[in-house]
Amino acid sequence: MRQKQSDYMQWAKLQSKARYNLATSGVGAFPLSELPITLDQLEINGDSSYGYASLQNAIAKKSQVDPDCVVAAAGTSMANHLAMASLIEPGAEVLIEQPTYELLVSTAQYLQANVKRFPRHAASNFALDPAEIRRAITPKTKLIVVTNLHNPTSVLTAEPILREIGDIARSINAHVLVDEVYLDAVYGNTPRSSFHLGKEFVTTNSLTKVYGLSGLRCGWILAQPDLARAMWRLNDLFGASPSHPADLISAVAFQHLEKIRNRARAIVEADRALLATFFVSPEGHQFKTVRTEFGTTCFPLLKHGDLDAFIARLRERHETSAVPGRFFEMPNHFRIGMGVDTKMFSEGLRRIALAVL
């Protein structure tokens, strides 16, 4: 049956909020007042027939690509939708990592793809394994979908592994879609986009999760120019024209990305240090997790007890929220987010310890 909703997004919008909200997936909002832009610089309408030129050029410069390879979209979720819709037809076989971000699966299902899965094993610290992709592909596979950094674990996939996956895709004339919305949370020696690894790669990204600029809905796709043109035409059916004030502010934000990222980085790294201390504490021994150096999310396993009961107890008795692992097809895990407010995060961890005892 065709998927017509995202259960995770419904939960996130209606049930995730709490006094101590660890169910976040990105950093805290960057204040508009700290961007050097004034109201008299904004306009309601402006030229952006197929991309606002200043913004297109800014995205291209950041990504080290030609502007003809950039397709603007309303956030990474819309970028993923537009990319998939351009790359596959109903009935096409799409291979998606497991666990992964729920909206990637539900979008492919909505587009009436034949969705198949390949595992990222907890025993291997959720590493992306090309051998699993080789076992799962068929001559009918048209698209392989992965996240990097991995959502929900924040595990980084190195370029040689991605290149090997590209080789697999090329051998069957398929594409690789890489959601890179968390990649800039590798704060030192940030990897380049996997778009540069070959023509079979299409990547998506935005200013949402790592930069705290979610409200601007500034997302993009990197694709080969002919495919990018097709995506722009298809987007006429979805979005037609973007918000020009948002485009203007986004173009200004690109001039100050390091400042914006560093503001969030300080909070993320403070939260990560608290998390490391928590997991070596007696209370933290109730959990098992992959400890990464990067990213804004962590995906612990509750070793004993019912996860749904734990999540309910955490929320109802301790005013704290976290994302149930069922949304990632891992029902004994849960996802917690870093980078919003370190004092709040610290208290949330304390309440997690109380809820499990």
Foldseek 3Di string as FASTA:
>chain_A
DFQDDAPQVVCVVPPQDFPLGQADAFAAADDPVPFPDDPVVFDFDDDQQQHDVLLLVLVCVVQVHPSLQKGKFQAQLRQLLLLLLLQDAAAFEEEEEFLAQLSNVNSCSNRNYNYDYFYQDVVNQSADDVVSVVVPDDLRHAEYEAEACGPPARNHHDLVRVLVNVVVQVVSVHAYEYEDAFQCQVPPPRDRDNVVSDQRYKYKYACPHQQNHSVLSTIIMGHPSVSSVVSSVVCCVPPSDDRRRSSVSSSSCSVVVVVSNVVLNVFQVLLLVLVVVLCPDPLNVQWDWRRDPGRFKTKIFRNDDFQVQLQVLLCPVVRYHWAACVSSVPRRITMTGTRYHNVSSNSSSVSSSVSSD
